[in-house]
Amino acid sequence: MYNLNGKIALVTGAGGRNGIGRAIATRLAKEGADVAINDIAEHPYAADDTEWRGLPDVVSEIEAMDQRAISVVADVSDAKQVSEMVDKTIAHFGKIDILVNNAGTKAGKDRVPVVDLAEEDWDRVQNVNVKGVFLCCQAVARHLITQGTGGKIINISSVTGKRGSARYAAYSASKFAVIGLTQSLAHELAPYQVNVNAICPSLVDTERVAHLAVAMMPADLSADEQRAEFARRAETSVPLGRLAEGADVANMAAFLASDEATYLTGLSVTVSGGLVMD
């Protein structure tokens, strides 16, 4: 549908079997892009899925499409590691045209009322979800300005970056911040023909659902029961009647990465099945 032939993409947080990052990376490859994929570990969900190998499996999928791929393990909240990740990608492919900031924290002790929220849990969320996006945007933007051929930056925010919810204060604040960063950077990079946009999904059916369910559901339920009940409650609030899938987000990312979106910048596009309509 979109022609990304000759483009080089860097996608963070791409090691999960059911994750948004994998869906985006493979969709961009399907459209003709070569892809560098990143996560904080080669297999970030090893404890949950022993059959899946993480980043190596995503690389294999992309190579099976006759596109080039590399994996880079890096913590996006660490400036040195981000710089090395960008340098490695450029050294291998010669350039970067598309950045997708998808890496985010796993749900955990931060999903509590503000009065019970520990400072270290607040900081953990902001360090990855905000600082990590900032560092990756900064490093790649510097390259895109020097490169002088335009480019695309796509930041994954959330519907909770548009509307706050109880027990989501740390996460919601981080995703509001991503939207603000997206808008500011869109202004700054417009003279260089770099488009900067955000995608705001509702709950996506990924490995994170299980972590959310443990944090949000009654402790007397089994892990499977927690996940099933959490998903059921979430689905009932969506007009289209289902949770979002990684492909739903990947479809929008592919569009925003393409030449079809060259006159769009500073947007925060909601992908929520009608849950949030702005």
Protein backbone atom coordinates (compact mmCIF):
# COMPACT_ATOMS: atom_id res chain seq x y z
CA MET A 1 0.00 0.00 0.00
CA TYR A 2 2.81 2.42 0.89
CA ASN A 3 6.20 2.58 -0.79
CA LEU A 4 8.99 2.64 1.78
CA ASN A 5 11.57 1.16 -0.56
CA GLY A 6 15.06 2.37 0.32
CA LYS A 7 13.98 3.74 3.71
CA ILE A 8 15.69 2.83 6.97
CA ALA A 9 13.58 2.61 10.12
CA LEU A 10 14.55 2.35 13.78
CA VAL A 11 11.83 0.90 16.03
CA THR A 12 12.27 0.73 19.80
CA GLY A 13 10.59 -1.74 22.13
CA ALA A 14 10.20 -4.39 19.43
CA GLY A 15 11.07 -7.64 21.22
CA GLY A 16 7.65 -8.89 22.31
CA ARG A 17 5.83 -11.63 20.39
CA ASN A 18 2.47 -9.81 20.55
CA GLY A 19 3.84 -6.31 20.95
CA ILE A 20 3.17 -3.10 19.06
CA GLY A 21 6.88 -2.78 18.24
CA ARG A 22 7.06 -6.11 16.43
CA ALA A 23 3.86 -5.31 14.53
CA ILE A 24 5.22 -1.94 13.41
CA ALA A 25 8.67 -3.25 12.50
CA THR A 26 7.31 -6.06 10.35
CA ARG A 27 4.70 -3.80 8.72
CA LEU A 28 7.35 -1.23 7.75
CA ALA A 29 9.43 -4.08 6.33
CA LYS A 30 6.41 -5.30 4.36
CA GLU A 31 6.24 -1.81 2.82
CA GLY A 32 9.88 -2.06 1.75
CA ALA A 33 11.86 -0.56 4.64
CA ASP A 34 14.99 -2.04 6.17
CA VAL A 35 14.67 -2.03 9.94
CA ALA A 36 16.79 -1.76 13.08
CA ILE A 37 14.87 -3.10 16.06
CA ASN A 38 15.59 -2.41 19.70
CA ASP A 39 14.61 -3.54 23.17
CA ILE A 40 16.11 -3.36 26.65
CA ALA A 41 16.94 -7.09 26.43
CA GLU A 42 17.21 -9.53 23.57
CA HIS A 43 14.14 -11.31 24.95
CA PRO A 44 12.28 -8.86 27.21
CA TYR A 45 9.47 -11.30 28.02
CA ALA A 46 11.55 -14.44 28.51
CA ALA A 47 9.77 -15.24 31.78
CA ASP A 48 6.39 -15.22 30.03
CA ASP A 49 7.21 -16.95 26.74
CA THR A 50 10.01 -19.49 26.44
CA GLU A 51 9.19 -20.46 22.84
CA TRP A 52 9.68 -16.93 21.50
CA ARG A 53 13.31 -15.72 21.17
CA GLY A 54 12.57 -12.00 21.12
CA LEU A 55 14.59 -9.72 18.85
CA PRO A 56 16.29 -12.53 16.85
CA ASP A 57 12.87 -13.85 15.81
CA VAL A 58 11.76 -10.40 14.63
CA VAL A 59 14.98 -10.04 12.63
CA SER A 60 14.31 -13.43 11.03
CA GLU A 61 10.77 -12.38 10.10
CA ILE A 62 12.00 -9.22 8.42
CA GLU A 63 14.77 -11.04 6.57
CA ALA A 64 12.19 -13.55 5.33
CA MET A 65 10.54 -10.59 3.58
CA ASP A 66 13.84 -9.98 1.74
CA GLN A 67 14.51 -6.85 3.81
CA ARG A 68 17.59 -6.17 5.89
CA ALA A 69 17.36 -6.08 9.67
CA ILE A 70 19.55 -5.76 12.74
CA SER A 71 18.79 -5.81 16.45
CA VAL A 72 20.28 -3.44 19.00
CA VAL A 73 19.89 -4.04 22.74
CA ALA A 74 19.82 -0.70 24.55
CA ASP A 75 18.13 1.08 27.45
CA VAL A 76 16.41 4.10 25.89
CA SER A 77 16.58 6.00 29.17
CA ASP A 78 20.40 5.99 29.00
CA ALA A 79 21.83 8.70 26.73
CA LYS A 80 25.07 6.82 26.03
CA GLN A 81 23.22 3.66 25.02
CA VAL A 82 20.83 5.63 22.81
CA SER A 83 23.75 7.34 21.07
CA GLU A 84 25.44 3.98 20.49
CA MET A 85 22.19 2.49 19.15
CA VAL A 86 21.76 5.31 16.64
CA ASP A 87 25.44 5.15 15.64
CA LYS A 88 25.24 1.37 15.13
CA THR A 89 22.14 1.73 12.96
CA ILE A 90 23.76 4.41 10.79
CA ALA A 91 27.02 2.45 10.56
CA HIS A 92 25.13 -0.61 9.33
CA PHE A 93 22.59 1.00 6.99
CA GLY A 94 24.20 4.36 6.22
CA LYS A 95 21.30 6.46 7.43
CA ILE A 96 18.00 6.61 9.33
CA ASP A 97 14.80 7.90 7.71
CA ILE A 98 12.12 6.79 10.17
CA LEU A 99 12.13 6.62 13.97
CA VAL A 100 9.33 4.93 15.90
CA ASN A 101 9.51 5.50 19.65
CA ASN A 102 7.53 2.57 21.02
CA ALA A 103 9.55 1.45 24.09
CA GLY A 104 7.70 1.82 27.38
CA THR A 105 7.65 0.55 30.93
CA LYS A 106 5.79 -2.56 31.99
CA ALA A 107 2.82 -1.87 34.24
CA GLY A 108 3.53 -2.50 37.88
CA LYS A 109 3.52 -0.69 41.18
CA ASP A 110 2.79 2.63 39.46
CA ARG A 111 -0.87 1.66 38.86
CA VAL A 112 -2.08 2.94 42.24
CA PRO A 113 -3.77 6.11 43.51
CA VAL A 114 -1.51 9.18 43.59
CA VAL A 115 -1.55 9.21 47.38
CA ASP A 116 0.01 5.72 47.35
CA LEU A 117 2.40 6.25 44.43
CA ALA A 118 6.05 5.83 45.39
CA GLU A 119 8.53 8.36 44.03
CA GLU A 120 10.74 5.65 42.55
CA ASP A 121 7.80 4.17 40.64
CA TRP A 122 6.89 7.62 39.27
CA ASP A 123 10.51 8.16 38.22
CA ARG A 124 10.76 4.75 36.55
CA VAL A 125 7.80 5.51 34.28
CA GLN A 126 8.99 9.01 33.38
CA ASN A 127 12.57 7.85 32.72
CA VAL A 128 11.51 5.40 30.03
CA ASN A 129 8.27 6.84 28.63
CA VAL A 130 9.36 10.48 28.53
CA LYS A 131 13.14 10.70 28.84
CA GLY A 132 13.56 7.70 26.55
CA VAL A 133 11.44 9.31 23.83
CA PHE A 134 13.29 12.61 24.28
CA LEU A 135 16.73 10.98 23.99
CA CYS A 136 15.83 8.96 20.89
CA CYS A 137 14.15 11.96 19.25
CA GLN A 138 17.15 14.15 19.99
CA ALA A 139 19.73 11.69 18.67
CA VAL A 140 17.84 10.87 15.48
CA ALA A 141 16.74 14.48 14.87
CA ARG A 142 20.37 15.59 14.90
CA HIS A 143 21.10 12.96 12.25
CA LEU A 144 18.07 13.92 10.15
CA ILE A 145 19.04 17.60 10.19
CA THR A 146 22.57 16.75 9.03
CA GLN A 147 21.28 14.23 6.50
CA GLY A 148 19.10 16.91 4.92
CA THR A 149 16.62 14.61 3.19
CA GLY A 150 13.64 14.93 5.54
CA GLY A 151 12.27 12.11 7.63
CA LYS A 152 9.57 10.80 9.93
CA ILE A 153 9.40 10.55 13.71
CA ILE A 154 6.47 8.64 15.20
CA ASN A 155 5.96 8.60 18.96
CA ILE A 156 3.64 6.09 20.61
CA SER A 157 1.52 7.90 23.18
CA SER A 158 -1.86 6.64 24.44
CA VAL A 159 -5.50 7.62 24.83
CA THR A 160 -4.52 8.20 28.47
CA GLY A 161 -2.25 10.92 27.10
CA LYS A 162 -5.45 12.75 26.21
CA ARG A 163 -7.65 11.81 29.16
CA GLY A 164 -6.41 10.89 32.62
CA SER A 165 -7.76 7.91 34.54
CA ALA A 166 -7.70 6.88 38.17
CA ARG A 167 -4.60 4.83 39.11
CA TYR A 168 -2.88 5.79 35.83
CA ALA A 169 -1.34 9.08 36.98
CA ALA A 170 2.31 8.23 36.29
CA TYR A 171 1.55 6.57 32.97
CA SER A 172 -0.95 9.21 31.89
CA ALA A 173 1.39 12.07 32.77
CA SER A 174 4.15 10.43 30.73
CA LYS A 175 1.91 10.04 27.70
CA PHE A 176 0.63 13.64 27.95
CA ALA A 177 4.29 14.64 27.95
CA VAL A 178 4.93 12.64 24.78
CA ILE A 179 2.19 14.59 23.00
CA GLY A 180 3.70 17.90 24.14
CA LEU A 181 7.15 16.82 23.02
CA THR A 182 5.72 15.71 19.67
CA GLN A 183 4.10 19.10 19.05
CA SER A 184 7.19 21.09 20.04
CA LEU A 185 9.50 18.94 17.95
CA ALA A 186 7.11 19.17 14.98
CA HIS A 187 7.58 22.95 15.01
CA GLU A 188 11.34 22.69 15.36
CA LEU A 189 11.88 20.12 12.62
CA ALA A 190 9.38 21.44 10.08
CA PRO A 191 12.03 23.60 8.34
CA TYR A 192 13.97 20.38 7.71
CA GLN A 193 10.94 18.56 6.25
CA VAL A 194 10.83 16.12 9.16
CA ASN A 195 7.31 15.15 10.16
CA VAL A 196 6.73 14.40 13.85
CA ASN A 197 3.47 12.75 14.90
CA ALA A 198 2.11 10.64 17.74
CA ILE A 199 -0.21 7.66 17.81
CA CYS A 200 -2.57 7.29 20.77
CA PRO A 201 -3.86 3.71 21.05
CA SER A 202 -6.37 2.41 23.55
CA LEU A 203 -5.53 -0.84 25.33
CA VAL A 204 -3.70 -3.13 22.90
CA ASP A 205 -3.81 -6.91 23.31
CA THR A 206 -0.12 -7.47 24.04
CA GLU A 207 1.98 -9.11 26.75
CA ARG A 208 1.43 -5.97 28.83
CA VAL A 209 -2.23 -6.85 29.39
CA ALA A 210 -1.20 -9.60 31.79
CA HIS A 211 1.02 -7.18 33.74
CA LEU A 212 -1.78 -4.61 33.85
CA ALA A 213 -4.25 -7.24 35.03
CA VAL A 214 -2.02 -8.26 37.94
CA ALA A 215 -1.75 -4.62 38.99
CA MET A 216 -5.43 -3.76 38.55
CA MET A 217 -7.50 -6.90 39.24
CA PRO A 218 -8.40 -8.56 42.59
CA ALA A 219 -5.54 -10.60 44.04
CA ASP A 220 -7.78 -13.58 44.81
CA LEU A 221 -8.13 -14.36 41.10
CA SER A 222 -5.62 -16.54 39.24
CA ALA A 223 -3.34 -14.88 36.69
CA ASP A 224 -5.45 -16.23 33.81
CA GLU A 225 -8.66 -15.07 35.50
CA GLN A 226 -7.18 -11.63 36.13
CA ARG A 227 -6.22 -11.23 32.49
CA ALA A 228 -9.57 -12.48 31.18
CA GLU A 229 -11.57 -10.22 33.48
CA PHE A 230 -9.40 -7.19 32.76
CA ALA A 231 -9.75 -7.73 29.00
CA ARG A 232 -13.51 -8.30 29.29
CA ARG A 233 -14.05 -5.04 31.16
CA ALA A 234 -11.89 -3.14 28.68
CA GLU A 235 -13.72 -4.59 25.65
CA THR A 236 -17.15 -3.60 26.96
CA SER A 237 -16.14 0.08 26.84
CA VAL A 238 -14.99 0.00 23.20
CA PRO A 239 -17.73 0.80 20.64
CA LEU A 240 -16.17 -1.56 18.08
CA GLY A 241 -16.29 -4.32 20.68
CA ARG A 242 -12.70 -5.53 20.88
CA LEU A 243 -9.29 -4.62 22.18
CA ALA A 244 -6.89 -2.98 19.75
CA GLU A 245 -4.33 -5.24 18.10
CA GLY A 246 -0.75 -4.46 17.24
CA ALA A 247 -1.73 -4.40 13.56
CA ASP A 248 -4.16 -1.55 14.19
CA VAL A 249 -1.33 0.64 15.46
CA ALA A 250 1.07 -0.62 12.79
CA ASN A 251 -1.37 0.38 10.05
CA MET A 252 -1.33 3.97 11.27
CA ALA A 253 2.45 3.94 11.71
CA ALA A 254 2.93 2.75 8.13
CA PHE A 255 0.74 5.59 6.87
CA LEU A 256 2.53 8.24 8.94
CA ALA A 257 5.90 6.89 7.77
CA SER A 258 4.90 7.14 4.12
CA ASP A 259 4.85 9.96 1.60
CA GLU A 260 1.05 9.98 1.94
CA ALA A 261 1.55 11.83 5.25
CA THR A 262 4.08 14.47 4.19
CA TYR A 263 1.68 17.34 5.00
CA LEU A 264 0.81 16.01 8.45
CA THR A 265 2.87 17.01 11.48
CA GLY A 266 2.27 17.63 15.17
CA LEU A 267 -0.75 15.33 15.23
CA SER A 268 -1.78 12.90 17.97
CA VAL A 269 -3.86 10.33 16.14
CA THR A 270 -6.25 8.25 18.24
CA VAL A 271 -6.51 4.53 17.44
CA SER A 272 -9.13 3.30 19.89
CA GLY A 273 -12.10 1.66 18.18
CA GLY A 274 -14.22 4.66 19.09
CA LEU A 275 -13.36 4.65 22.80
CA VAL A 276 -11.90 8.16 22.52
CA MET A 277 -13.15 10.27 19.64
CA ASP A 278 -10.77 13.22 19.59
